Amino acid sequence: MATLAPLPIAAAVAPPHAGIARLRGFVTSLAELVSATRNEAEVLESGAKLLARLIAQDDWLPPAFAIPHPERYQQYLLHCDSRERFSVVSFVWAPGQGTPIHDHRVWGLVGVLRGAETSERFVRQGDGSLKPDGPAQLLRAGEVEVLSPRTGDIHRVGNARSDGPSVSIHVYGGNIGAVERATYALDGTAKRFVSGYASTVLPNLWDRSQTL
């Protein structure tokens, strides 16, 4: 994973996009959800439904946040809650790109917006090593995966397409670009990292001038 400095929350803001109201509605609903309960299971269940509703339509993600990079996948910040209770990120994968084995340290939701992704989970053995927890899962457009440190959040993901990019929307229970996490070798050796973001701007969720 690339190690970049976290993007300041007060960074430059991208111009509004015609479909941005969908993202604004999702962020508002998710903020209401995390304010209403601290029960992680409830947040994941209801949050997965909200995310599935968001990715069911593919007309809202500004083009600047769906651009692949020829050498590495891109992690674009779309929104971070002002209290850093959650963040929303678009991941963009060119063909052949994927992550190392890694963890999250916070709950997560992964929804595929375009293309398809593979997700391979790992479990720790008694000697500290890691082994796959069954075959890799294929996530298609419109599908959502749930992650939690309480149930095991060590995995690796990648683009399942060989002929084009894939885009997924990730939601995490914290400012994921600033969370200290780890990548892992199969023998269990950990390497600490803070992912940061590829973004240099943020989507403007709050400009409603285009609706007038």
C-alpha atoms as a PDB file:
ATOM      1  CA  MET A   1       0.000   0.000   0.000  1.00  0.00           C
ATOM      2  CA  ALA A   2       1.200   3.511  -0.772  1.00  0.00           C
ATOM      3  CA  THR A   3       2.135   5.556   2.291  1.00  0.00           C
ATOM      4  CA  LEU A   4       1.007   9.128   1.816  1.00  0.00           C
ATOM      5  CA  ALA A   5       0.408  11.979   4.215  1.00  0.00           C
ATOM      6  CA  PRO A   6      -3.259  12.184   5.283  1.00  0.00           C
ATOM      7  CA  LEU A   7      -5.218  14.766   3.333  1.00  0.00           C
ATOM      8  CA  PRO A   8      -6.282  17.663   5.579  1.00  0.00           C
ATOM      9  CA  ILE A   9     -10.048  17.742   6.033  1.00  0.00           C
ATOM     10  CA  ALA A  10     -10.060  21.438   5.105  1.00  0.00           C
ATOM     11  CA  ALA A  11      -8.440  20.753   1.723  1.00  0.00           C
ATOM     12  CA  ALA A  12      -9.587  22.294  -1.536  1.00  0.00           C
ATOM     13  CA  VAL A  13     -13.095  21.283  -2.598  1.00  0.00           C
ATOM     14  CA  ALA A  14     -13.952  19.972  -6.054  1.00  0.00           C
ATOM     15  CA  PRO A  15     -16.797  21.637  -7.971  1.00  0.00           C
ATOM     16  CA  PRO A  16     -20.224  20.069  -7.438  1.00  0.00           C
ATOM     17  CA  HIS A  17     -21.291  17.190  -9.672  1.00  0.00           C
ATOM     18  CA  ALA A  18     -24.818  16.835 -11.017  1.00  0.00           C
ATOM     19  CA  GLY A  19     -25.427  13.543  -9.145  1.00  0.00           C
ATOM     20  CA  ILE A  20     -23.722  14.518  -5.895  1.00  0.00           C
ATOM     21  CA  ALA A  21     -27.060  14.698  -4.057  1.00  0.00           C
ATOM     22  CA  ARG A  22     -26.959  10.885  -3.791  1.00  0.00           C
ATOM     23  CA  LEU A  23     -23.635  11.007  -1.949  1.00  0.00           C
ATOM     24  CA  ARG A  24     -24.864  13.868   0.221  1.00  0.00           C
ATOM     25  CA  GLY A  25     -27.947  11.873   1.169  1.00  0.00           C
ATOM     26  CA  PHE A  26     -25.838   8.825   2.008  1.00  0.00           C
ATOM     27  CA  VAL A  27     -23.455  10.830   4.206  1.00  0.00           C
ATOM     28  CA  THR A  28     -26.357  12.501   6.014  1.00  0.00           C
ATOM     29  CA  SER A  29     -28.129   9.189   6.636  1.00  0.00           C
ATOM     30  CA  LEU A  30     -24.941   7.512   7.843  1.00  0.00           C
ATOM     31  CA  ALA A  31     -24.219  10.385  10.232  1.00  0.00           C
ATOM     32  CA  GLU A  32     -27.720  10.005  11.666  1.00  0.00           C
ATOM     33  CA  LEU A  33     -27.147   6.259  12.033  1.00  0.00           C
ATOM     34  CA  VAL A  34     -23.852   6.531  13.932  1.00  0.00           C
ATOM     35  CA  SER A  35     -25.371   9.233  16.131  1.00  0.00           C
ATOM     36  CA  ALA A  36     -28.338   7.019  16.991  1.00  0.00           C
ATOM     37  CA  THR A  37     -26.444   3.893  18.095  1.00  0.00           C
ATOM     38  CA  ARG A  38     -23.039   2.685  19.240  1.00  0.00           C
ATOM     39  CA  ASN A  39     -23.952  -0.905  18.497  1.00  0.00           C
ATOM     40  CA  GLU A  40     -21.543  -1.963  15.769  1.00  0.00           C
ATOM     41  CA  ALA A  41     -23.791  -4.769  14.519  1.00  0.00           C
ATOM     42  CA  GLU A  42     -26.644  -2.293  14.015  1.00  0.00           C
ATOM     43  CA  VAL A  43     -24.360   0.177  12.241  1.00  0.00           C
ATOM     44  CA  LEU A  44     -23.077  -2.535   9.900  1.00  0.00           C
ATOM     45  CA  GLU A  45     -26.505  -3.948   9.124  1.00  0.00           C
ATOM     46  CA  SER A  46     -28.180  -0.612   8.456  1.00  0.00           C
ATOM     47  CA  GLY A  47     -25.059   0.930   6.916  1.00  0.00           C
ATOM     48  CA  ALA A  48     -24.792  -1.949   4.426  1.00  0.00           C
ATOM     49  CA  LYS A  49     -28.346  -1.219   3.279  1.00  0.00           C
ATOM     50  CA  LEU A  50     -27.554   2.471   2.856  1.00  0.00           C
ATOM     51  CA  LEU A  51     -24.416   1.667   0.869  1.00  0.00           C
ATOM     52  CA  ALA A  52     -26.252  -0.849  -1.321  1.00  0.00           C
ATOM     53  CA  ARG A  53     -28.792   1.869  -2.129  1.00  0.00           C
ATOM     54  CA  LEU A  54     -25.997   4.313  -3.009  1.00  0.00           C
ATOM     55  CA  ILE A  55     -24.126   1.973  -5.360  1.00  0.00           C
ATOM     56  CA  ALA A  56     -27.332   0.783  -7.040  1.00  0.00           C
ATOM     57  CA  GLN A  57     -27.100   3.996  -9.099  1.00  0.00           C
ATOM     58  CA  ASP A  58     -23.944   4.902 -10.994  1.00  0.00           C
ATOM     59  CA  ASP A  59     -24.561   8.567 -11.760  1.00  0.00           C
ATOM     60  CA  TRP A  60     -23.147  10.367  -8.752  1.00  0.00           C
ATOM     61  CA  LEU A  61     -19.375   9.763  -8.471  1.00  0.00           C
ATOM     62  CA  PRO A  62     -17.454  12.746  -9.914  1.00  0.00           C
ATOM     63  CA  PRO A  63     -15.073  11.588 -12.683  1.00  0.00           C
ATOM     64  CA  ALA A  64     -12.019  12.942 -10.838  1.00  0.00           C
ATOM     65  CA  PHE A  65     -12.542  10.293  -8.142  1.00  0.00           C
ATOM     66  CA  ALA A  66     -12.653   7.346 -10.545  1.00  0.00           C
ATOM     67  CA  ILE A  67      -9.317   7.797 -12.332  1.00  0.00           C
ATOM     68  CA  PRO A  68      -6.974   4.771 -12.236  1.00  0.00           C
ATOM     69  CA  HIS A  69      -3.207   5.035 -11.895  1.00  0.00           C
ATOM     70  CA  PRO A  70      -0.988   2.867 -14.120  1.00  0.00           C
ATOM     71  CA  GLU A  71       1.241   1.728 -11.229  1.00  0.00           C
ATOM     72  CA  ARG A  72      -0.932   1.480  -8.100  1.00  0.00           C
ATOM     73  CA  TYR A  73      -4.527   1.559  -6.992  1.00  0.00           C
ATOM     74  CA  GLN A  74      -5.995   4.887  -5.917  1.00  0.00           C
ATOM     75  CA  GLN A  75      -7.721   5.679  -2.618  1.00  0.00           C
ATOM     76  CA  TYR A  76      -9.742   8.898  -2.983  1.00  0.00           C
ATOM     77  CA  LEU A  77     -11.346  10.508   0.054  1.00  0.00           C
ATOM     78  CA  LEU A  78     -14.951  11.465  -0.693  1.00  0.00           C
ATOM     79  CA  HIS A  79     -15.989  12.531   2.806  1.00  0.00           C
ATOM     80  CA  CYS A  80     -14.730  12.422   6.385  1.00  0.00           C
ATOM     81  CA  ASP A  81     -17.122  13.031   9.238  1.00  0.00           C
ATOM     82  CA  SER A  82     -16.184  16.187  11.163  1.00  0.00           C
ATOM     83  CA  ARG A  83     -15.703  14.081  14.309  1.00  0.00           C
ATOM     84  CA  GLU A  84     -13.882  11.357  12.332  1.00  0.00           C
ATOM     85  CA  ARG A  85     -16.532   8.803  13.242  1.00  0.00           C
ATOM     86  CA  PHE A  86     -16.556   7.529   9.653  1.00  0.00           C
ATOM     87  CA  SER A  87     -15.041   8.155   6.234  1.00  0.00           C
ATOM     88  CA  VAL A  88     -16.193   7.417   2.678  1.00  0.00           C
ATOM     89  CA  VAL A  89     -13.561   6.517   0.089  1.00  0.00           C
ATOM     90  CA  SER A  90     -13.551   5.480  -3.563  1.00  0.00           C
ATOM     91  CA  PHE A  91     -11.005   2.819  -4.485  1.00  0.00           C
ATOM     92  CA  VAL A  92      -9.996   2.633  -8.142  1.00  0.00           C
ATOM     93  CA  TRP A  93      -8.189  -0.391  -9.488  1.00  0.00           C
ATOM     94  CA  ALA A  94      -6.559  -0.772 -12.879  1.00  0.00           C
ATOM     95  CA  PRO A  95      -6.316  -4.343 -14.245  1.00  0.00           C
ATOM     96  CA  GLY A  96      -3.967  -6.490 -12.169  1.00  0.00           C
ATOM     97  CA  GLN A  97      -3.858  -4.140  -9.193  1.00  0.00           C
ATOM     98  CA  GLY A  98      -4.558  -5.200  -5.610  1.00  0.00           C
ATOM     99  CA  THR A  99      -3.551  -4.739  -2.001  1.00  0.00           C
ATOM    100  CA  PRO A 100      -1.177  -6.697   0.178  1.00  0.00           C
ATOM    101  CA  ILE A 101      -2.717  -8.609   3.084  1.00  0.00           C
ATOM    102  CA  HIS A 102      -3.800  -5.947   5.572  1.00  0.00           C
ATOM    103  CA  ASP A 103      -6.143  -5.085   8.421  1.00  0.00           C
ATOM    104  CA  HIS A 104      -8.367  -2.083   9.200  1.00  0.00           C
ATOM    105  CA  ARG A 105      -8.679  -1.746  13.003  1.00  0.00           C
ATOM    106  CA  VAL A 106     -12.180  -0.254  12.511  1.00  0.00           C
ATOM    107  CA  TRP A 107     -15.453  -1.565  11.051  1.00  0.00           C
ATOM    108  CA  GLY A 108     -15.842  -1.345   7.297  1.00  0.00           C
ATOM    109  CA  LEU A 109     -18.255  -1.687   4.395  1.00  0.00           C
ATOM    110  CA  VAL A 110     -17.127  -2.318   0.814  1.00  0.00           C
ATOM    111  CA  GLY A 111     -19.554  -1.818  -2.066  1.00  0.00           C
ATOM    112  CA  VAL A 112     -18.611  -2.368  -5.709  1.00  0.00           C
ATOM    113  CA  LEU A 113     -19.814   0.464  -7.939  1.00  0.00           C
ATOM    114  CA  ARG A 114     -18.239  -0.612 -11.253  1.00  0.00           C
ATOM    115  CA  GLY A 115     -16.579  -3.778 -12.430  1.00  0.00           C
ATOM    116  CA  ALA A 116     -15.795  -6.535  -9.927  1.00  0.00           C
ATOM    117  CA  GLU A 117     -13.339  -7.250  -7.133  1.00  0.00           C
ATOM    118  CA  THR A 118     -11.860 -10.238  -5.374  1.00  0.00           C
ATOM    119  CA  SER A 119     -11.702 -10.334  -1.575  1.00  0.00           C
ATOM    120  CA  GLU A 120      -9.612 -12.999   0.158  1.00  0.00           C
ATOM    121  CA  ARG A 121      -9.888 -13.229   3.954  1.00  0.00           C
ATOM    122  CA  PHE A 122      -7.223 -14.649   6.255  1.00  0.00           C
ATOM    123  CA  VAL A 123      -7.274 -16.153   9.747  1.00  0.00           C
ATOM    124  CA  ARG A 124      -4.414 -16.268  12.232  1.00  0.00           C
ATOM    125  CA  GLN A 125      -3.071 -19.658  13.279  1.00  0.00           C
ATOM    126  CA  GLY A 126      -1.748 -20.682  16.677  1.00  0.00           C
ATOM    127  CA  ASP A 127       1.830 -19.974  15.595  1.00  0.00           C
ATOM    128  CA  GLY A 128       0.898 -16.461  14.439  1.00  0.00           C
ATOM    129  CA  SER A 129       0.927 -17.246  10.724  1.00  0.00           C
ATOM    130  CA  LEU A 130      -1.966 -16.480   8.399  1.00  0.00           C
ATOM    131  CA  LYS A 131      -3.872 -18.760   6.071  1.00  0.00           C
ATOM    132  CA  PRO A 132      -6.774 -18.111   3.686  1.00  0.00           C
ATOM    133  CA  ASP A 133     -10.194 -18.472   5.284  1.00  0.00           C
ATOM    134  CA  GLY A 134     -11.716 -20.306   2.339  1.00  0.00           C
ATOM    135  CA  PRO A 135     -11.636 -19.328  -1.338  1.00  0.00           C
ATOM    136  CA  ALA A 136     -11.512 -15.710  -2.483  1.00  0.00           C
ATOM    137  CA  GLN A 137     -14.907 -14.056  -2.747  1.00  0.00           C
ATOM    138  CA  LEU A 138     -16.004 -12.368  -5.968  1.00  0.00           C
ATOM    139  CA  LEU A 139     -17.827  -9.083  -5.418  1.00  0.00           C
ATOM    140  CA  ARG A 140     -19.812  -7.784  -8.364  1.00  0.00           C
ATOM    141  CA  ALA A 141     -21.263  -4.350  -8.994  1.00  0.00           C
ATOM    142  CA  GLY A 142     -24.033  -3.662  -6.477  1.00  0.00           C
ATOM    143  CA  GLU A 143     -22.741  -6.108  -3.839  1.00  0.00           C
ATOM    144  CA  VAL A 144     -21.572  -5.110  -0.343  1.00  0.00           C
ATOM    145  CA  GLU A 145     -19.061  -6.819   1.966  1.00  0.00           C
ATOM    146  CA  VAL A 146     -18.996  -6.230   5.739  1.00  0.00           C
ATOM    147  CA  LEU A 147     -15.761  -6.090   7.766  1.00  0.00           C
ATOM    148  CA  SER A 148     -15.163  -5.904  11.514  1.00  0.00           C
ATOM    149  CA  PRO A 149     -12.113  -6.424  13.755  1.00  0.00           C
ATOM    150  CA  ARG A 150     -14.476  -8.293  16.087  1.00  0.00           C
ATOM    151  CA  THR A 151     -15.053 -11.039  13.515  1.00  0.00           C
ATOM    152  CA  GLY A 152     -11.798 -10.814  11.533  1.00  0.00           C
ATOM    153  CA  ASP A 153     -10.832  -8.007   9.178  1.00  0.00           C
ATOM    154  CA  ILE A 154      -7.573  -9.258   7.679  1.00  0.00           C
ATOM    155  CA  HIS A 155      -7.877  -9.597   3.923  1.00  0.00           C
ATOM    156  CA  ARG A 156      -6.520  -8.592   0.547  1.00  0.00           C
ATOM    157  CA  VAL A 157      -8.535  -7.282  -2.361  1.00  0.00           C
ATOM    158  CA  GLY A 158      -7.962  -6.611  -6.020  1.00  0.00           C
ATOM    159  CA  ASN A 159      -9.482  -5.957  -9.399  1.00  0.00           C
ATOM    160  CA  ALA A 160     -11.247  -9.042 -10.756  1.00  0.00           C
ATOM    161  CA  ARG A 161     -11.289  -7.575 -14.271  1.00  0.00           C
ATOM    162  CA  SER A 162      -8.460  -8.046 -16.743  1.00  0.00           C
ATOM    163  CA  ASP A 163      -9.911  -5.690 -19.354  1.00  0.00           C
ATOM    164  CA  GLY A 164     -10.614  -2.498 -17.429  1.00  0.00           C
ATOM    165  CA  PRO A 165     -10.714  -0.670 -14.114  1.00  0.00           C
ATOM    166  CA  SER A 166     -13.025  -1.403 -11.200  1.00  0.00           C
ATOM    167  CA  VAL A 167     -14.340   1.113  -8.664  1.00  0.00           C
ATOM    168  CA  SER A 168     -15.583   0.392  -5.153  1.00  0.00           C
ATOM    169  CA  ILE A 169     -16.930   2.613  -2.396  1.00  0.00           C
ATOM    170  CA  HIS A 170     -15.543   1.918   1.073  1.00  0.00           C
ATOM    171  CA  VAL A 171     -16.976   3.184   4.344  1.00  0.00           C
ATOM    172  CA  TYR A 172     -14.947   2.912   7.540  1.00  0.00           C
ATOM    173  CA  GLY A 173     -15.622   3.589  11.205  1.00  0.00           C
ATOM    174  CA  GLY A 174     -12.932   6.262  11.425  1.00  0.00           C
ATOM    175  CA  ASN A 175     -10.749   8.499   9.259  1.00  0.00           C
ATOM    176  CA  ILE A 176      -9.170   5.511   7.543  1.00  0.00           C
ATOM    177  CA  GLY A 177      -6.398   7.526   5.901  1.00  0.00           C
ATOM    178  CA  ALA A 178      -5.111   8.484   9.356  1.00  0.00           C
ATOM    179  CA  VAL A 179      -5.532   5.133  11.141  1.00  0.00           C
ATOM    180  CA  GLU A 180      -2.317   3.250  11.924  1.00  0.00           C
ATOM    181  CA  ARG A 181      -2.776  -0.266  10.550  1.00  0.00           C
ATOM    182  CA  ALA A 182      -0.594  -3.120   9.316  1.00  0.00           C
ATOM    183  CA  THR A 183       0.194  -5.202   6.284  1.00  0.00           C
ATOM    184  CA  TYR A 184       1.144  -8.841   6.812  1.00  0.00           C
ATOM    185  CA  ALA A 185       3.341 -11.548   5.351  1.00  0.00           C
ATOM    186  CA  LEU A 186       1.926 -15.072   5.412  1.00  0.00           C
ATOM    187  CA  ASP A 187       4.165 -15.907   8.356  1.00  0.00           C
ATOM    188  CA  GLY A 188       2.309 -13.215  10.314  1.00  0.00           C
ATOM    189  CA  THR A 189       5.049 -10.608  10.240  1.00  0.00           C
ATOM    190  CA  ALA A 190       3.425  -7.180  10.479  1.00  0.00           C
ATOM    191  CA  LYS A 191       4.512  -3.892   8.905  1.00  0.00           C
ATOM    192  CA  ARG A 192       2.836  -0.751  10.216  1.00  0.00           C
ATOM    193  CA  PHE A 193       1.461   1.851   7.798  1.00  0.00           C
ATOM    194  CA  VAL A 194      -0.854   4.846   7.512  1.00  0.00           C
ATOM    195  CA  SER A 195      -2.453   4.893   4.075  1.00  0.00           C
ATOM    196  CA  GLY A 196      -3.301   8.555   3.572  1.00  0.00           C
ATOM    197  CA  TYR A 197      -5.292   9.439   0.442  1.00  0.00           C
ATOM    198  CA  ALA A 198      -4.596   9.998  -3.239  1.00  0.00           C
ATOM    199  CA  SER A 199      -7.012  12.960  -3.283  1.00  0.00           C
ATOM    200  CA  THR A 200      -5.828  16.539  -3.616  1.00  0.00           C
ATOM    201  CA  VAL A 201      -9.424  17.845  -3.553  1.00  0.00           C
ATOM    202  CA  LEU A 202     -12.737  16.771  -1.991  1.00  0.00           C
ATOM    203  CA  PRO A 203     -16.188  16.530  -3.626  1.00  0.00           C
ATOM    204  CA  ASN A 204     -18.419  19.482  -2.768  1.00  0.00           C
ATOM    205  CA  LEU A 205     -21.420  17.784  -1.135  1.00  0.00           C
ATOM    206  CA  TRP A 206     -23.035  20.915   0.207  1.00  0.00           C
ATOM    207  CA  ASP A 207     -23.410  23.218  -2.806  1.00  0.00           C
ATOM    208  CA  ARG A 208     -27.087  22.949  -3.765  1.00  0.00           C
ATOM    209  CA  SER A 209     -26.980  25.685  -6.424  1.00  0.00           C
ATOM    210  CA  GLN A 210     -27.369  23.159  -9.258  1.00  0.00           C
ATOM    211  CA  THR A 211     -30.751  22.094  -7.861  1.00  0.00           C
ATOM    212  CA  LEU A 212     -32.249  25.589  -8.220  1.00  0.00           C
END
